[in-house]
Amino acid sequence: MASSPINDSFSLKNLTWPVGSNASNSSLPKNHIDVVYPNSSVIFHFLWSGYERGLYWWMIVNGLICFLGTAVNLAILVAMVQLERVTHSSCRIQIVHLLVIDLIQCAVSGPLGLTLNGQPRVLTLTECAFTRVPFMWVECSANWCASFLALNRFIAIWFPLTYRRLSRHRSFDIVSVVLPWFMGFPLVLPYIAGFGGRFTMSPPMYRCVLKATSNLPFEYTIYFGFITPMALLMVFYVGAGVKMALQLGITARRVGPLPVPDYEISRAREEKRFALARMLFVAAVLYIALYLPNPIVVTYFPRLGDGSPIYRMWLRTIYNAGFLVNPIVFLTMRPEYRKELRKQIRRLYTWLSHLVWNPEHLAP
């Protein structure tokens, strides 16, 4: 077995950590009796000795992000579902879809990361794949979902009549929701089948990282799962912004060829479409701004994190904070969302009051 610094450190404690044991069964030592796998406390001490305070603060901050992200995303989801029951909106369906993905990240992916860092242990190939591949699929699908949402606004602003005709069909909503997942799945399929490589635990931090093969570079997933949808997203929003600027200029010069009531209705619809596009553009820009530091630093400035193992984790925290962006921006820039959320909170308060003070009123 090849020697490594982490193996030497464990050897001082009469422990042997087989570096390749989780990569394939063939790399396991022949004599399994001599292999002692370190438990969670030993790994924790080895990885985080001297950085315990930083790790605890990281876990507290990330725990708050996960809790707030779950609560806020869930709250605005309830409000938007209630609005959808009143009036149908294809754009709202896609926004709800995006919020559901953010909710999955906050309620499942985030807590899983906290657990693996707080109680580290040696993971098998299957466990590594389970903790990485599904969430990579979710991230790729989320990026394509945001891109399709931008396309929705682009069509609505440039071709309002075509959009109105398309949005009347349920198939339009189904395709808008399902297609991002079909776009994301081929990007992770090579790592499920092993063709593009496998996720295994690797020194020096012994986290699940991809051991790519020469068959398929990992850049394939990065390019088509992250860079391409984000670039298209910005193109669609910039294109929509150009149309908005042109339309506002035309409206300002219009003398009044339409009757006043028709003109006011047309102007109100126009303003509503523009306001929704502005809100989604702001949310997209903030999300990208929070997403980019992690891959940029890791790819182009890897030595910045050499001095501290906690540094890379704080970069990931900045990315996780992006899951709070959508609900906060939506509530800030859309008064109807705030109004509906307040209504749901009052309804919940009333129900809880009856449950506590007058439980017999709730009996069937």
Protein backbone atom coordinates (compact mmCIF):
# COMPACT_ATOMS: atom_id res chain seq x y z
CA MET A 1 0.00 0.00 0.00
CA ALA A 2 1.29 3.43 -0.89
CA SER A 3 2.34 5.54 2.03
CA SER A 4 0.73 8.91 2.66
CA PRO A 5 0.91 11.53 5.43
CA ILE A 6 -2.51 10.60 6.74
CA ASN A 7 -1.59 6.90 6.87
CA ASP A 8 1.60 7.71 8.75
CA SER A 9 -0.36 9.74 11.28
CA PHE A 10 -2.78 6.93 11.91
CA SER A 11 0.10 4.47 12.14
CA LEU A 12 1.30 6.41 15.18
CA LYS A 13 -1.98 5.38 16.82
CA ASN A 14 -1.52 1.75 15.69
CA LEU A 15 -4.24 2.25 13.11
CA THR A 16 -4.19 1.46 9.43
CA TRP A 17 -6.39 3.41 7.04
CA PRO A 18 -6.37 1.63 3.67
CA VAL A 19 -6.46 4.49 1.18
CA GLY A 20 -7.78 2.42 -1.68
CA SER A 21 -10.12 0.17 0.28
CA ASN A 22 -13.22 2.06 -0.72
CA ALA A 23 -12.18 2.43 -4.33
CA SER A 24 -12.53 -1.24 -5.23
CA ASN A 25 -12.60 -4.59 -3.49
CA SER A 26 -9.43 -5.63 -5.26
CA SER A 27 -7.47 -2.95 -3.40
CA LEU A 28 -8.37 -4.32 0.03
CA PRO A 29 -5.48 -5.84 1.94
CA LYS A 30 -5.37 -9.63 1.82
CA ASN A 31 -5.18 -9.91 5.60
CA HIS A 32 -8.32 -8.19 6.87
CA ILE A 33 -7.49 -9.06 10.48
CA ASP A 34 -4.68 -6.50 10.55
CA VAL A 35 -6.90 -3.66 9.28
CA VAL A 36 -8.40 -1.41 11.95
CA TYR A 37 -10.80 1.24 10.67
CA PRO A 38 -10.74 4.42 12.77
CA ASN A 39 -14.00 5.40 14.42
CA SER A 40 -15.75 8.76 14.11
CA SER A 41 -14.03 10.39 17.11
CA VAL A 42 -10.55 9.43 15.89
CA ILE A 43 -11.18 10.80 12.40
CA PHE A 44 -12.68 13.98 13.87
CA HIS A 45 -9.62 14.54 16.06
CA PHE A 46 -7.25 13.89 13.20
CA LEU A 47 -9.00 16.21 10.73
CA TRP A 48 -10.10 19.04 13.01
CA SER A 49 -7.51 19.15 15.79
CA GLY A 50 -6.83 22.86 16.30
CA TYR A 51 -9.81 23.89 14.20
CA GLU A 52 -12.63 22.75 16.48
CA ARG A 53 -13.86 26.28 17.22
CA GLY A 54 -13.97 27.17 13.52
CA LEU A 55 -15.81 23.94 12.71
CA TYR A 56 -18.39 24.53 15.45
CA TRP A 57 -19.06 28.07 14.22
CA TRP A 58 -19.35 26.74 10.68
CA MET A 59 -21.86 24.14 11.80
CA ILE A 60 -23.90 26.76 13.69
CA VAL A 61 -24.02 29.15 10.73
CA ASN A 62 -24.85 26.38 8.26
CA GLY A 63 -27.45 24.97 10.61
CA LEU A 64 -29.14 28.40 10.74
CA ILE A 65 -29.00 28.67 6.95
CA CYS A 66 -30.60 25.23 6.59
CA PHE A 67 -33.31 26.04 9.14
CA LEU A 68 -34.11 29.50 7.77
CA GLY A 69 -33.93 28.27 4.18
CA THR A 70 -36.34 25.43 4.93
CA ALA A 71 -38.77 27.67 6.84
CA VAL A 72 -38.78 30.59 4.38
CA ASN A 73 -38.94 28.43 1.24
CA LEU A 74 -41.75 26.37 2.75
CA ALA A 75 -43.67 29.49 3.81
CA ILE A 76 -43.55 31.17 0.43
CA LEU A 77 -44.33 27.84 -1.26
CA VAL A 78 -47.58 27.63 0.71
CA ALA A 79 -48.42 31.23 -0.23
CA MET A 80 -47.75 30.66 -3.93
CA VAL A 81 -49.72 27.40 -4.03
CA GLN A 82 -52.69 29.28 -2.58
CA LEU A 83 -52.31 31.98 -5.23
CA GLU A 84 -52.15 29.32 -7.93
CA ARG A 85 -55.44 27.91 -6.71
CA VAL A 86 -57.03 31.33 -7.35
CA THR A 87 -55.46 32.15 -10.73
CA HIS A 88 -53.27 29.94 -12.90
CA SER A 89 -49.85 31.21 -13.96
CA SER A 90 -47.28 29.19 -15.89
CA CYS A 91 -44.51 31.40 -14.56
CA ARG A 92 -45.67 30.80 -10.99
CA ILE A 93 -45.58 27.03 -11.60
CA GLN A 94 -41.92 27.29 -12.58
CA ILE A 95 -41.14 29.53 -9.60
CA VAL A 96 -42.75 26.97 -7.29
CA HIS A 97 -40.63 24.27 -8.93
CA LEU A 98 -37.46 26.28 -8.30
CA LEU A 99 -38.45 26.86 -4.66
CA VAL A 100 -39.06 23.11 -4.19
CA ILE A 101 -35.51 22.44 -5.39
CA ASP A 102 -34.14 25.05 -2.97
CA LEU A 103 -36.19 23.40 -0.22
CA ILE A 104 -34.62 20.01 -1.02
CA GLN A 105 -31.16 21.54 -0.79
CA CYS A 106 -31.89 23.23 2.57
CA ALA A 107 -33.80 20.36 4.17
CA VAL A 108 -31.78 17.38 2.91
CA SER A 109 -28.44 18.27 1.33
CA GLY A 110 -27.41 20.84 3.97
CA PRO A 111 -28.15 18.68 7.05
CA LEU A 112 -26.42 15.72 5.39
CA GLY A 113 -23.26 17.82 4.99
CA LEU A 114 -23.45 18.88 8.65
CA THR A 115 -23.75 15.26 9.75
CA LEU A 116 -20.83 14.04 7.65
CA ASN A 117 -18.55 16.80 8.90
CA GLY A 118 -19.64 16.59 12.53
CA GLN A 119 -19.38 12.78 12.64
CA PRO A 120 -16.87 11.87 9.90
CA ARG A 121 -16.29 8.24 9.00
CA VAL A 122 -14.93 6.11 6.20
CA LEU A 123 -17.58 5.85 3.46
CA THR A 124 -17.90 3.05 0.95
CA LEU A 125 -18.22 3.56 -2.80
CA THR A 126 -22.00 3.25 -2.59
CA GLU A 127 -22.25 5.72 0.30
CA CYS A 128 -20.03 8.23 -1.47
CA ALA A 129 -22.13 7.95 -4.61
CA PHE A 130 -25.34 8.36 -2.61
CA THR A 131 -24.10 11.50 -0.87
CA ARG A 132 -22.85 13.19 -4.03
CA VAL A 133 -24.54 12.03 -7.27
CA PRO A 134 -28.21 12.76 -6.38
CA PHE A 135 -27.39 16.24 -5.19
CA MET A 136 -25.23 16.91 -8.23
CA TRP A 137 -28.30 15.99 -10.29
CA VAL A 138 -30.41 18.37 -8.19
CA GLU A 139 -27.92 21.21 -8.68
CA CYS A 140 -27.70 20.70 -12.46
CA SER A 141 -31.49 20.49 -12.71
CA ALA A 142 -31.88 23.63 -10.60
CA ASN A 143 -29.61 25.57 -12.93
CA TRP A 144 -31.59 24.44 -15.97
CA CYS A 145 -34.82 25.20 -14.14
CA ALA A 146 -33.65 28.78 -13.56
CA SER A 147 -32.65 29.01 -17.22
CA PHE A 148 -36.08 27.81 -18.38
CA LEU A 149 -37.70 30.31 -16.04
CA ALA A 150 -35.68 33.08 -17.71
CA LEU A 151 -36.78 31.73 -21.10
CA ASN A 152 -40.38 31.89 -19.88
CA ARG A 153 -40.01 35.61 -19.14
CA PHE A 154 -38.18 36.20 -22.43
CA ILE A 155 -41.06 34.70 -24.42
CA ALA A 156 -43.69 36.49 -22.31
CA ILE A 157 -42.08 39.89 -22.91
CA TRP A 158 -41.05 39.54 -26.54
CA PHE A 159 -43.98 37.44 -27.74
CA PRO A 160 -46.88 38.05 -25.32
CA LEU A 161 -49.58 36.66 -27.60
CA THR A 162 -47.63 33.46 -28.26
CA TYR A 163 -46.92 33.08 -24.55
CA ARG A 164 -50.58 33.59 -23.66
CA ARG A 165 -51.55 30.88 -26.11
CA LEU A 166 -48.89 28.44 -24.86
CA SER A 167 -49.61 29.03 -21.18
CA ARG A 168 -53.21 27.87 -21.63
CA HIS A 169 -52.00 24.30 -22.17
CA ARG A 170 -51.08 22.13 -19.18
CA SER A 171 -48.51 20.36 -21.33
CA PHE A 172 -46.52 23.61 -21.40
CA ASP A 173 -46.28 23.56 -17.58
CA ILE A 174 -45.42 19.84 -17.48
CA VAL A 175 -42.62 20.20 -20.02
CA SER A 176 -41.25 23.26 -18.18
CA VAL A 177 -41.00 21.27 -14.94
CA VAL A 178 -39.86 17.87 -16.28
CA LEU A 179 -37.38 18.99 -18.94
CA PRO A 180 -34.75 20.45 -16.53
CA TRP A 181 -34.52 17.06 -14.80
CA PHE A 182 -34.06 15.32 -18.14
CA MET A 183 -31.37 17.87 -18.99
CA GLY A 184 -29.57 17.19 -15.70
CA PHE A 185 -29.74 13.40 -15.65
CA PRO A 186 -27.35 12.71 -18.59
CA LEU A 187 -24.80 14.91 -16.81
CA VAL A 188 -24.63 12.58 -13.80
CA LEU A 189 -25.38 9.27 -15.56
CA PRO A 190 -21.66 8.63 -16.35
CA TYR A 191 -20.89 8.73 -12.61
CA ILE A 192 -23.75 6.38 -11.76
CA ALA A 193 -22.54 3.82 -14.30
CA GLY A 194 -18.85 4.42 -13.49
CA PHE A 195 -18.02 5.38 -17.08
CA GLY A 196 -16.95 8.88 -16.12
CA GLY A 197 -15.41 7.91 -12.79
CA ARG A 198 -16.53 7.26 -9.23
CA PHE A 199 -16.74 9.21 -6.01
CA THR A 200 -14.33 7.88 -3.40
CA MET A 201 -12.83 9.15 -0.17
CA SER A 202 -9.52 10.82 -0.82
CA PRO A 203 -6.74 12.38 1.27
CA PRO A 204 -5.88 14.75 2.78
CA MET A 205 -9.41 15.49 4.06
CA TYR A 206 -10.88 12.11 3.17
CA ARG A 207 -14.05 13.51 1.70
CA CYS A 208 -15.92 11.98 -1.20
CA VAL A 209 -14.29 13.42 -4.33
CA LEU A 210 -14.57 12.35 -7.94
CA LYS A 211 -11.88 10.10 -9.36
CA ALA A 212 -12.52 10.90 -13.01
CA THR A 213 -11.55 8.58 -15.84
CA SER A 214 -10.07 9.50 -19.19
CA ASN A 215 -13.35 8.46 -20.85
CA LEU A 216 -15.19 11.61 -19.88
CA PRO A 217 -13.69 14.78 -18.37
CA PHE A 218 -15.55 16.20 -15.38
CA GLU A 219 -15.56 19.55 -17.17
CA TYR A 220 -18.38 18.09 -19.29
CA THR A 221 -20.70 18.24 -16.29
CA ILE A 222 -19.42 21.64 -15.15
CA TYR A 223 -19.87 23.16 -18.61
CA PHE A 224 -23.31 21.78 -19.45
CA GLY A 225 -24.69 21.63 -15.92
CA PHE A 226 -23.53 24.98 -14.57
CA ILE A 227 -21.85 27.33 -17.03
CA THR A 228 -24.21 26.86 -20.01
CA PRO A 229 -27.54 27.28 -18.15
CA MET A 230 -26.22 30.29 -16.23
CA ALA A 231 -24.96 31.92 -19.43
CA LEU A 232 -28.29 31.29 -21.18
CA LEU A 233 -30.11 32.66 -18.15
CA MET A 234 -28.26 35.96 -18.40
CA VAL A 235 -28.80 36.13 -22.17
CA PHE A 236 -32.56 35.66 -21.74
CA TYR A 237 -32.83 38.28 -19.00
CA VAL A 238 -30.69 40.80 -20.88
CA GLY A 239 -32.82 40.21 -23.97
CA ALA A 240 -35.98 40.72 -21.92
CA GLY A 241 -34.49 43.88 -20.44
CA VAL A 242 -33.80 45.29 -23.91
CA LYS A 243 -37.41 44.69 -24.89
CA MET A 244 -38.62 46.28 -21.65
CA ALA A 245 -36.55 49.42 -22.32
CA LEU A 246 -37.81 49.65 -25.89
CA GLN A 247 -41.41 49.09 -24.86
CA LEU A 248 -41.25 51.72 -22.12
CA GLY A 249 -39.88 54.21 -24.66
CA ILE A 250 -42.72 53.45 -27.08
CA THR A 251 -45.30 53.75 -24.31
CA ALA A 252 -43.92 57.12 -23.23
CA ARG A 253 -44.23 58.50 -26.80
CA ARG A 254 -47.70 57.07 -27.38
CA VAL A 255 -50.25 59.87 -27.75
CA GLY A 256 -53.20 57.61 -27.04
CA PRO A 257 -54.43 55.52 -29.98
CA LEU A 258 -56.23 53.21 -27.55
CA PRO A 259 -59.28 54.13 -25.46
CA VAL A 260 -58.29 55.08 -21.94
CA PRO A 261 -59.67 51.92 -20.20
CA ASP A 262 -58.00 49.59 -22.74
CA TYR A 263 -54.77 51.54 -22.47
CA GLU A 264 -54.77 51.28 -18.67
CA ILE A 265 -55.42 47.52 -18.79
CA SER A 266 -52.65 47.02 -21.34
CA ARG A 267 -50.25 49.16 -19.31
CA ALA A 268 -51.08 47.25 -16.09
CA ARG A 269 -50.37 43.89 -17.76
CA GLU A 270 -47.15 45.24 -19.16
CA GLU A 271 -46.00 46.58 -15.81
CA LYS A 272 -46.82 43.27 -14.13
CA ARG A 273 -44.74 41.31 -16.65
CA PHE A 274 -41.85 43.75 -16.32
CA ALA A 275 -41.94 43.72 -12.51
CA LEU A 276 -41.88 39.93 -12.45
CA ALA A 277 -38.94 39.85 -14.87
CA ARG A 278 -37.02 42.39 -12.75
CA MET A 279 -37.62 40.32 -9.61
CA LEU A 280 -36.38 37.11 -11.23
CA PHE A 281 -33.36 38.90 -12.71
CA VAL A 282 -32.33 40.26 -9.30
CA ALA A 283 -32.72 36.81 -7.72
CA ALA A 284 -30.67 35.21 -10.51
CA VAL A 285 -27.84 37.75 -10.25
CA LEU A 286 -27.60 37.34 -6.47
CA TYR A 287 -27.62 33.54 -6.75
CA ILE A 288 -24.83 33.56 -9.35
CA ALA A 289 -22.81 36.03 -7.25
CA LEU A 290 -23.03 33.66 -4.27
CA TYR A 291 -22.34 30.57 -6.36
CA LEU A 292 -19.22 31.74 -8.22
CA PRO A 293 -16.68 32.27 -5.37
CA ASN A 294 -16.44 28.55 -4.54
CA PRO A 295 -15.61 27.18 -8.04
CA ILE A 296 -13.42 30.18 -8.93
CA VAL A 297 -11.25 29.93 -5.81
CA VAL A 298 -11.06 26.13 -5.92
CA THR A 299 -10.20 26.04 -9.63
CA TYR A 300 -7.90 29.04 -10.06
CA PHE A 301 -6.63 29.82 -6.54
CA PRO A 302 -6.45 26.46 -4.75
CA ARG A 303 -3.48 27.52 -2.60
CA LEU A 304 -5.65 30.05 -0.76
CA GLY A 305 -7.17 27.18 1.18
CA ASP A 306 -3.99 25.26 1.90
CA GLY A 307 -3.45 26.84 5.29
CA SER A 308 -6.84 25.98 6.81
CA PRO A 309 -9.20 23.03 6.23
CA ILE A 310 -12.15 25.18 7.28
CA TYR A 311 -11.59 27.74 4.52
CA ARG A 312 -13.11 25.63 1.73
CA MET A 313 -16.15 24.90 3.89
CA TRP A 314 -16.90 28.60 4.34
CA LEU A 315 -16.81 28.98 0.56
CA ARG A 316 -19.46 26.29 0.37
CA THR A 317 -21.43 28.20 3.00
CA ILE A 318 -21.55 31.23 0.70
CA TYR A 319 -23.02 28.97 -1.98
CA ASN A 320 -25.57 27.53 0.46
CA ALA A 321 -26.69 31.05 1.36
CA GLY A 322 -27.90 31.31 -2.24
CA PHE A 323 -30.84 29.07 -1.31
CA LEU A 324 -32.15 31.93 0.82
CA VAL A 325 -32.00 34.40 -2.06
CA ASN A 326 -35.12 33.41 -4.00
CA PRO A 327 -37.70 33.55 -1.18
CA ILE A 328 -36.23 36.75 0.30
CA VAL A 329 -36.18 38.54 -3.06
CA PHE A 330 -39.65 37.27 -3.93
CA LEU A 331 -41.12 38.52 -0.65
CA THR A 332 -39.30 41.83 -0.92
CA MET A 333 -40.30 42.69 -4.48
CA ARG A 334 -43.79 41.17 -4.80
CA PRO A 335 -46.51 42.66 -2.57
CA GLU A 336 -49.04 39.94 -3.47
CA TYR A 337 -46.68 37.29 -2.07
CA ARG A 338 -46.35 39.22 1.19
CA LYS A 339 -50.10 39.71 1.39
CA GLU A 340 -50.82 36.03 0.84
CA LEU A 341 -48.12 34.98 3.32
CA ARG A 342 -49.58 37.27 6.00
CA LYS A 343 -52.99 35.74 5.30
CA GLN A 344 -51.62 32.22 5.75
CA ILE A 345 -49.82 33.21 8.96
CA ARG A 346 -53.04 34.69 10.38
CA ARG A 347 -54.90 31.53 9.38
CA LEU A 348 -52.26 29.36 11.10
CA TYR A 349 -52.39 31.56 14.21
CA THR A 350 -56.18 31.26 14.34
CA TRP A 351 -56.00 27.48 13.96
CA LEU A 352 -53.39 27.16 16.70
CA SER A 353 -55.41 29.43 19.00
CA HIS A 354 -58.48 27.26 18.57
CA LEU A 355 -56.37 24.15 19.07
CA VAL A 356 -54.98 25.43 22.36
CA TRP A 357 -57.95 27.29 23.83
CA ASN A 358 -60.97 25.69 22.15
CA PRO A 359 -59.99 22.22 20.93
CA GLU A 360 -63.63 21.09 20.79
CA HIS A 361 -64.23 23.49 17.88
CA LEU A 362 -61.86 21.41 15.76
CA ALA A 363 -63.66 18.13 16.41
CA PRO A 364 -65.37 16.61 13.31
